[in-house]
Each structure stands twice: as C-alpha cells, then as structure tokens.
C-alpha cells in the first residue's frame, strides 16, 4: 500500500532533545527502505536516558507506505509497553486520511506541530522528577 504522491524524495531524519522530550523529525518517503532508519533512531532514544515524551514530527513526510505505517504502530506499542508517551505531529494529506479510515487516528495522540505537542505536554513534564 502506498500513502502519498511523492516518489524519489530523499529520506531525512533528525532528533532534538527538549527537557525530558525527544522530537524526531522525519522527511521524505517513509517506507520499506527508510523505516529501519526510523526504527534505529527510535531505539537510540529509548536506549538513552529516560525520555518520558517522544514526538515523531511527520510534517515533511511526502510518502508513507504500509511498512512505514507499521513502524509507527510498532513504536506506539513500544511506547505503551515502556511508559513513554508517544505522539505524532504534522500528520497531513494521504497519511492523515489513512489513519482516519483505519481507525488508527484514535490510537495515536496527534498534534498539529511538534511545538504544540511540547507546549501541551509541558505541565506533565514539570510534574515528573527531573522535569522543568
């Protein structure tokens, strides 16, 4: 299955840390070849010092296939199992539609932007030991 119109986009991924939160920004095509790179980045965050909030920003994603979607679902399940709040931001276009049609939109916490997610979560992070 293919969710998006773009083909040939380079895949990009970066991670920023913000007071008890990690923001992984993904761009380009999230699919068969790039999903393992996302998985690797997610595990770096989970294997590091405790990060109670993990945001995956999909604003720059131009394409997502079933493998990419599966990776997001696996990350959500891992977050639930480890007590890490897993949030998506910047969900748009065909990916937003697929999440709605499949009912997965209700499973994910989704915010318009990563900054919105960070602002909304700020009170929660301050209440935790070591929080701001």
N, C-alpha and C. Protein backbone atom coordinates (compact mmCIF):
# COMPACT_ATOMS: atom_id res chain seq x y z
N UNK A 1 0.84 -1.18 0.00
CA UNK A 1 0.00 0.00 0.00
C UNK A 1 0.87 1.23 0.00
N UNK A 2 0.43 2.25 -0.71
CA UNK A 2 1.17 3.50 -0.81
C UNK A 2 0.30 4.62 -0.30
N UNK A 3 0.82 5.45 0.59
CA UNK A 3 0.06 6.57 1.14
C UNK A 3 0.79 7.85 0.82
N UNK A 4 0.55 8.44 -0.30
CA UNK A 4 1.20 9.70 -0.66
C UNK A 4 1.52 9.71 -2.13
N UNK A 5 1.83 10.90 -2.62
CA UNK A 5 2.05 11.05 -4.05
C UNK A 5 3.51 11.15 -4.43
N UNK A 6 4.37 11.51 -3.50
CA UNK A 6 5.76 11.78 -3.84
C UNK A 6 6.58 10.52 -4.02
N UNK A 7 7.40 10.50 -5.03
CA UNK A 7 8.34 9.40 -5.23
C UNK A 7 9.69 10.02 -5.53
N UNK A 8 10.75 9.42 -5.03
CA UNK A 8 12.08 9.91 -5.30
C UNK A 8 12.59 10.91 -4.27
N UNK A 9 11.78 11.21 -3.26
CA UNK A 9 12.23 12.15 -2.23
C UNK A 9 13.28 11.49 -1.36
N UNK A 10 14.31 12.22 -1.04
CA UNK A 10 15.33 11.71 -0.13
C UNK A 10 14.73 11.62 1.27
N UNK A 11 15.11 10.60 2.01
CA UNK A 11 14.64 10.43 3.38
C UNK A 11 15.57 11.18 4.31
N UNK A 12 15.00 11.95 5.22
CA UNK A 12 15.79 12.65 6.22
C UNK A 12 15.24 12.35 7.60
N UNK A 13 16.14 12.35 8.58
CA UNK A 13 15.72 12.11 9.96
C UNK A 13 16.69 12.84 10.88
N UNK A 14 16.13 13.47 11.91
CA UNK A 14 16.96 14.14 12.91
C UNK A 14 16.26 14.04 14.26
N UNK A 15 17.02 14.25 15.31
CA UNK A 15 16.46 14.16 16.65
C UNK A 15 16.95 15.34 17.47
N UNK A 16 16.02 16.00 18.15
CA UNK A 16 16.33 17.10 19.06
C UNK A 16 15.80 16.73 20.44
N UNK A 17 16.55 17.09 21.47
CA UNK A 17 16.11 16.84 22.83
C UNK A 17 15.65 18.15 23.47
N UNK A 18 14.53 18.07 24.21
CA UNK A 18 13.93 19.22 24.88
C UNK A 18 13.48 18.78 26.26
N UNK A 19 14.16 19.16 27.32
CA UNK A 19 13.73 18.92 28.70
C UNK A 19 12.82 17.70 28.88
N UNK A 20 13.36 16.53 28.79
CA UNK A 20 12.59 15.31 29.02
C UNK A 20 11.76 14.86 27.83
N UNK A 21 11.98 15.48 26.69
CA UNK A 21 11.26 15.08 25.48
C UNK A 21 12.24 14.96 24.33
N UNK A 22 11.94 14.05 23.43
CA UNK A 22 12.72 13.91 22.20
C UNK A 22 11.78 14.16 21.03
N UNK A 23 12.26 14.92 20.05
CA UNK A 23 11.49 15.18 18.84
C UNK A 23 12.29 14.60 17.67
N UNK A 24 11.71 13.59 17.04
CA UNK A 24 12.31 13.00 15.85
C UNK A 24 11.58 13.58 14.65
N UNK A 25 12.32 14.28 13.81
CA UNK A 25 11.74 14.90 12.61
C UNK A 25 12.08 14.02 11.40
N UNK A 26 11.03 13.64 10.69
CA UNK A 26 11.16 12.75 9.55
C UNK A 26 10.73 13.50 8.30
N UNK A 27 11.48 13.31 7.21
CA UNK A 27 11.13 13.95 5.96
C UNK A 27 11.32 13.02 4.78
N UNK A 28 10.59 13.28 3.71
CA UNK A 28 10.70 12.46 2.51
C UNK A 28 9.81 11.24 2.59
N UNK A 29 10.27 10.15 2.02
CA UNK A 29 9.48 8.93 1.92
C UNK A 29 9.74 7.98 3.09
N UNK A 30 8.68 7.66 3.82
CA UNK A 30 8.77 6.71 4.92
C UNK A 30 8.20 5.39 4.42
N UNK A 31 9.10 4.45 4.17
CA UNK A 31 8.65 3.19 3.60
C UNK A 31 9.63 2.07 3.84
N UNK A 32 9.58 1.10 2.95
CA UNK A 32 10.36 -0.12 3.09
C UNK A 32 11.84 0.15 3.34
N UNK A 33 12.45 1.07 2.60
CA UNK A 33 13.88 1.31 2.73
C UNK A 33 14.23 2.23 3.90
N UNK A 34 13.31 3.13 4.27
CA UNK A 34 13.64 4.10 5.30
C UNK A 34 13.11 3.74 6.69
N UNK A 35 12.11 2.88 6.78
CA UNK A 35 11.55 2.51 8.08
C UNK A 35 12.60 1.97 9.05
N UNK A 36 13.57 1.17 8.59
CA UNK A 36 14.61 0.72 9.53
C UNK A 36 15.43 1.87 10.11
N UNK A 37 15.59 2.95 9.35
CA UNK A 37 16.32 4.12 9.87
C UNK A 37 15.51 4.80 10.97
N UNK A 38 14.20 4.88 10.80
CA UNK A 38 13.35 5.43 11.85
C UNK A 38 13.41 4.53 13.08
N UNK A 39 13.32 3.22 12.87
CA UNK A 39 13.38 2.28 13.99
C UNK A 39 14.69 2.44 14.77
N UNK A 40 15.79 2.59 14.05
CA UNK A 40 17.10 2.77 14.68
C UNK A 40 17.13 4.04 15.52
N UNK A 41 16.58 5.13 14.99
CA UNK A 41 16.55 6.39 15.74
C UNK A 41 15.66 6.27 16.97
N UNK A 42 14.52 5.62 16.83
CA UNK A 42 13.63 5.41 17.98
C UNK A 42 14.34 4.63 19.07
N UNK A 43 15.07 3.58 18.69
CA UNK A 43 15.77 2.77 19.70
C UNK A 43 16.89 3.56 20.36
N UNK A 44 17.54 4.46 19.64
CA UNK A 44 18.56 5.31 20.28
C UNK A 44 17.93 6.14 21.39
N UNK A 45 16.74 6.66 21.14
CA UNK A 45 16.06 7.46 22.16
C UNK A 45 15.65 6.56 23.32
N UNK A 46 15.02 5.41 23.03
CA UNK A 46 14.56 4.53 24.09
C UNK A 46 15.71 3.93 24.89
N UNK A 47 16.86 3.72 24.25
CA UNK A 47 18.01 3.13 24.95
C UNK A 47 18.80 4.16 25.74
N UNK A 48 18.54 5.44 25.52
CA UNK A 48 19.26 6.51 26.22
C UNK A 48 18.62 6.78 27.57
N UNK A 49 19.00 7.92 28.17
CA UNK A 49 18.41 8.30 29.45
C UNK A 49 16.90 8.44 29.31
N UNK A 50 16.18 8.16 30.38
CA UNK A 50 14.72 8.19 30.35
C UNK A 50 14.14 9.41 29.66
N UNK A 51 13.35 9.18 28.65
CA UNK A 51 12.66 10.25 27.93
C UNK A 51 11.16 9.93 28.00
N UNK A 52 10.43 10.65 28.87
CA UNK A 52 9.02 10.32 29.05
C UNK A 52 8.13 10.71 27.87
N UNK A 53 8.62 11.57 26.97
CA UNK A 53 7.82 12.02 25.84
C UNK A 53 8.63 11.88 24.56
N UNK A 54 8.05 11.23 23.57
CA UNK A 54 8.69 11.06 22.27
C UNK A 54 7.71 11.53 21.20
N UNK A 55 8.12 12.54 20.44
CA UNK A 55 7.30 13.11 19.38
C UNK A 55 7.94 12.76 18.05
N UNK A 56 7.16 12.20 17.13
CA UNK A 56 7.62 11.99 15.77
C UNK A 56 6.90 13.00 14.89
N UNK A 57 7.69 13.94 14.36
CA UNK A 57 7.15 15.02 13.52
C UNK A 57 7.18 14.57 12.07
N UNK A 58 5.98 14.46 11.47
CA UNK A 58 5.84 13.96 10.11
C UNK A 58 5.52 15.07 9.11
N UNK A 59 5.72 16.31 9.50
CA UNK A 59 5.38 17.46 8.66
C UNK A 59 5.99 17.36 7.27
N UNK A 60 7.23 16.90 7.18
CA UNK A 60 7.94 16.86 5.90
C UNK A 60 7.85 15.52 5.18
N UNK A 61 7.02 14.62 5.68
CA UNK A 61 6.85 13.32 5.02
C UNK A 61 6.00 13.52 3.76
N UNK A 62 6.52 13.04 2.64
CA UNK A 62 5.82 13.18 1.36
C UNK A 62 5.14 11.89 0.93
N UNK A 63 5.48 10.79 1.59
CA UNK A 63 5.00 9.47 1.17
C UNK A 63 5.15 8.52 2.35
N UNK A 64 4.16 7.64 2.53
CA UNK A 64 4.26 6.63 3.57
C UNK A 64 3.56 5.38 3.07
N UNK A 65 4.28 4.26 3.06
CA UNK A 65 3.65 3.01 2.64
C UNK A 65 3.26 2.21 3.88
N UNK A 66 2.76 0.99 3.66
CA UNK A 66 2.29 0.17 4.77
C UNK A 66 3.42 -0.19 5.74
N UNK A 67 4.65 -0.29 5.25
CA UNK A 67 5.78 -0.59 6.12
C UNK A 67 6.05 0.59 7.05
N UNK A 68 5.99 1.80 6.52
CA UNK A 68 6.16 3.00 7.35
C UNK A 68 5.07 3.11 8.39
N UNK A 69 3.83 2.85 7.98
CA UNK A 69 2.70 2.89 8.91
C UNK A 69 2.87 1.83 9.99
N UNK A 70 3.31 0.65 9.60
CA UNK A 70 3.54 -0.42 10.56
C UNK A 70 4.61 -0.03 11.58
N UNK A 71 5.63 0.67 11.12
CA UNK A 71 6.69 1.12 12.04
C UNK A 71 6.15 2.10 13.07
N UNK A 72 5.26 2.99 12.65
CA UNK A 72 4.64 3.93 13.59
C UNK A 72 3.77 3.19 14.61
N UNK A 73 3.04 2.18 14.16
CA UNK A 73 2.22 1.39 15.08
C UNK A 73 3.10 0.63 16.07
N UNK A 74 4.19 0.06 15.59
CA UNK A 74 5.12 -0.65 16.48
C UNK A 74 5.71 0.30 17.52
N UNK A 75 6.03 1.51 17.09
CA UNK A 75 6.58 2.49 18.03
C UNK A 75 5.54 2.88 19.08
N UNK A 76 4.30 3.02 18.66
CA UNK A 76 3.22 3.31 19.61
C UNK A 76 3.12 2.19 20.64
N UNK A 77 3.15 0.95 20.19
CA UNK A 77 3.06 -0.19 21.09
C UNK A 77 4.25 -0.25 22.04
N UNK A 78 5.44 0.05 21.52
CA UNK A 78 6.64 0.07 22.36
C UNK A 78 6.51 1.16 23.42
N UNK A 79 6.03 2.32 23.02
CA UNK A 79 5.83 3.42 23.96
C UNK A 79 4.86 3.03 25.07
N UNK A 80 3.77 2.39 24.70
CA UNK A 80 2.79 1.95 25.70
C UNK A 80 3.41 0.93 26.66
N UNK A 81 4.21 0.03 26.13
CA UNK A 81 4.82 -1.02 26.96
C UNK A 81 5.88 -0.46 27.91
N UNK A 82 6.53 0.63 27.52
CA UNK A 82 7.62 1.18 28.34
C UNK A 82 7.22 2.43 29.11
N UNK A 83 5.98 2.88 28.96
CA UNK A 83 5.53 4.07 29.66
C UNK A 83 6.03 5.37 29.04
N UNK A 84 6.40 5.32 27.78
CA UNK A 84 6.83 6.52 27.06
C UNK A 84 5.62 7.07 26.31
N UNK A 85 5.33 8.34 26.53
CA UNK A 85 4.23 8.97 25.81
C UNK A 85 4.67 9.18 24.37
N UNK A 86 3.98 8.56 23.42
CA UNK A 86 4.34 8.59 22.01
C UNK A 86 3.34 9.45 21.26
N UNK A 87 3.83 10.50 20.60
CA UNK A 87 2.98 11.50 19.96
C UNK A 87 3.41 11.68 18.51
N UNK A 88 2.44 11.86 17.62
CA UNK A 88 2.72 12.23 16.24
C UNK A 88 2.35 13.70 16.06
N UNK A 89 3.10 14.38 15.21
CA UNK A 89 2.74 15.75 14.84
C UNK A 89 2.92 15.93 13.35
N UNK A 90 2.24 16.94 12.83
CA UNK A 90 2.38 17.25 11.41
C UNK A 90 1.78 16.22 10.48
N UNK A 91 0.84 15.42 10.97
CA UNK A 91 0.20 14.42 10.13
C UNK A 91 -0.72 15.14 9.15
N UNK A 92 -0.54 14.86 7.86
CA UNK A 92 -1.31 15.57 6.84
C UNK A 92 -1.53 14.70 5.60
N UNK A 93 -2.35 15.19 4.71
CA UNK A 93 -2.56 14.56 3.41
C UNK A 93 -3.03 13.12 3.49
N UNK A 94 -2.54 12.31 2.56
CA UNK A 94 -2.98 10.91 2.49
C UNK A 94 -2.72 10.12 3.78
N UNK A 95 -1.64 10.42 4.48
CA UNK A 95 -1.37 9.68 5.72
C UNK A 95 -2.45 9.98 6.75
N UNK A 96 -2.87 11.23 6.87
CA UNK A 96 -3.94 11.58 7.79
C UNK A 96 -5.23 10.84 7.43
N UNK A 97 -5.50 10.76 6.14
CA UNK A 97 -6.70 10.08 5.68
C UNK A 97 -6.64 8.58 6.00
N UNK A 98 -5.50 7.96 5.76
CA UNK A 98 -5.35 6.53 6.04
C UNK A 98 -5.50 6.26 7.54
N UNK A 99 -4.93 7.10 8.37
CA UNK A 99 -5.07 6.92 9.81
C UNK A 99 -6.54 7.02 10.22
N UNK A 100 -7.27 7.93 9.59
CA UNK A 100 -8.69 8.08 9.90
C UNK A 100 -9.49 6.87 9.42
N UNK A 101 -9.28 6.46 8.19
CA UNK A 101 -10.03 5.34 7.61
C UNK A 101 -9.79 4.05 8.38
N UNK A 102 -8.56 3.82 8.80
CA UNK A 102 -8.22 2.58 9.50
C UNK A 102 -8.59 2.61 10.98
N UNK A 103 -8.96 3.78 11.48
CA UNK A 103 -9.26 3.92 12.90
C UNK A 103 -8.03 4.16 13.76
N UNK A 104 -6.85 4.20 13.13
CA UNK A 104 -5.61 4.40 13.89
C UNK A 104 -5.48 5.83 14.40
N UNK A 105 -6.19 6.77 13.80
CA UNK A 105 -6.12 8.15 14.27
C UNK A 105 -6.51 8.23 15.75
N UNK A 106 -7.44 7.39 16.15
CA UNK A 106 -7.88 7.37 17.55
C UNK A 106 -6.84 6.73 18.46
N UNK A 107 -5.99 5.88 17.90
CA UNK A 107 -4.97 5.20 18.70
C UNK A 107 -3.80 6.12 19.02
N UNK A 108 -3.48 7.03 18.10
CA UNK A 108 -2.34 7.93 18.27
C UNK A 108 -2.77 9.25 18.89
N UNK A 109 -1.89 9.80 19.72
CA UNK A 109 -2.05 11.18 20.14
C UNK A 109 -1.41 12.02 19.03
N UNK A 110 -2.18 12.94 18.44
CA UNK A 110 -1.70 13.71 17.29
C UNK A 110 -1.89 15.20 17.57
N UNK A 111 -0.83 15.97 17.28
CA UNK A 111 -0.86 17.43 17.41
C UNK A 111 -0.49 18.05 16.07
N UNK A 112 -0.97 19.27 15.81
CA UNK A 112 -0.66 19.92 14.54
C UNK A 112 0.84 20.10 14.30
N UNK A 113 1.58 20.48 15.35
CA UNK A 113 3.02 20.69 15.22
C UNK A 113 3.73 20.10 16.43
N UNK A 114 5.03 19.90 16.29
CA UNK A 114 5.83 19.41 17.42
C UNK A 114 5.83 20.44 18.54
N UNK A 115 5.88 21.72 18.21
CA UNK A 115 5.84 22.76 19.23
C UNK A 115 4.53 22.71 20.02
N UNK A 116 3.42 22.47 19.34
CA UNK A 116 2.13 22.32 20.04
C UNK A 116 2.19 21.15 21.02
N UNK A 117 2.76 20.04 20.58
CA UNK A 117 2.86 18.86 21.44
C UNK A 117 3.74 19.15 22.65
N UNK A 118 4.86 19.85 22.42
CA UNK A 118 5.75 20.20 23.53
C UNK A 118 5.05 21.14 24.52
N UNK A 119 4.33 22.13 24.01
CA UNK A 119 3.61 23.07 24.89
C UNK A 119 2.54 22.35 25.68
N UNK A 120 1.79 21.48 25.02
CA UNK A 120 0.71 20.77 25.69
C UNK A 120 1.25 19.84 26.77
N UNK A 121 2.41 19.27 26.52
CA UNK A 121 2.99 18.30 27.46
C UNK A 121 3.81 18.97 28.56
N UNK A 122 4.10 20.25 28.44
CA UNK A 122 4.98 20.94 29.40
C UNK A 122 4.52 20.76 30.85
N UNK A 123 3.23 20.94 31.19
CA UNK A 123 2.84 20.74 32.60
C UNK A 123 3.09 19.31 33.06
N UNK A 124 2.87 18.32 32.19
CA UNK A 124 3.11 16.93 32.56
C UNK A 124 4.58 16.70 32.87
N UNK A 125 5.47 17.29 32.08
CA UNK A 125 6.91 17.08 32.28
C UNK A 125 7.38 17.75 33.55
N UNK A 126 6.82 18.90 33.92
CA UNK A 126 7.24 19.59 35.14
C UNK A 126 6.86 18.79 36.38
N UNK A 127 5.80 17.99 36.29
CA UNK A 127 5.36 17.20 37.43
C UNK A 127 6.19 15.97 37.68
N UNK A 128 7.05 15.60 36.72
CA UNK A 128 7.88 14.40 36.86
C UNK A 128 9.19 14.75 37.53
N UNK A 129 9.79 13.78 38.23
CA UNK A 129 11.10 14.03 38.81
C UNK A 129 12.09 14.39 37.70
N UNK A 130 12.85 15.43 37.92
CA UNK A 130 13.84 15.87 36.95
C UNK A 130 13.25 16.75 35.86
N UNK A 131 11.93 16.96 35.88
CA UNK A 131 11.27 17.80 34.87
C UNK A 131 11.54 19.26 35.12
N UNK A 132 11.23 20.12 34.08
CA UNK A 132 11.48 21.56 34.11
C UNK A 132 10.80 22.20 35.18
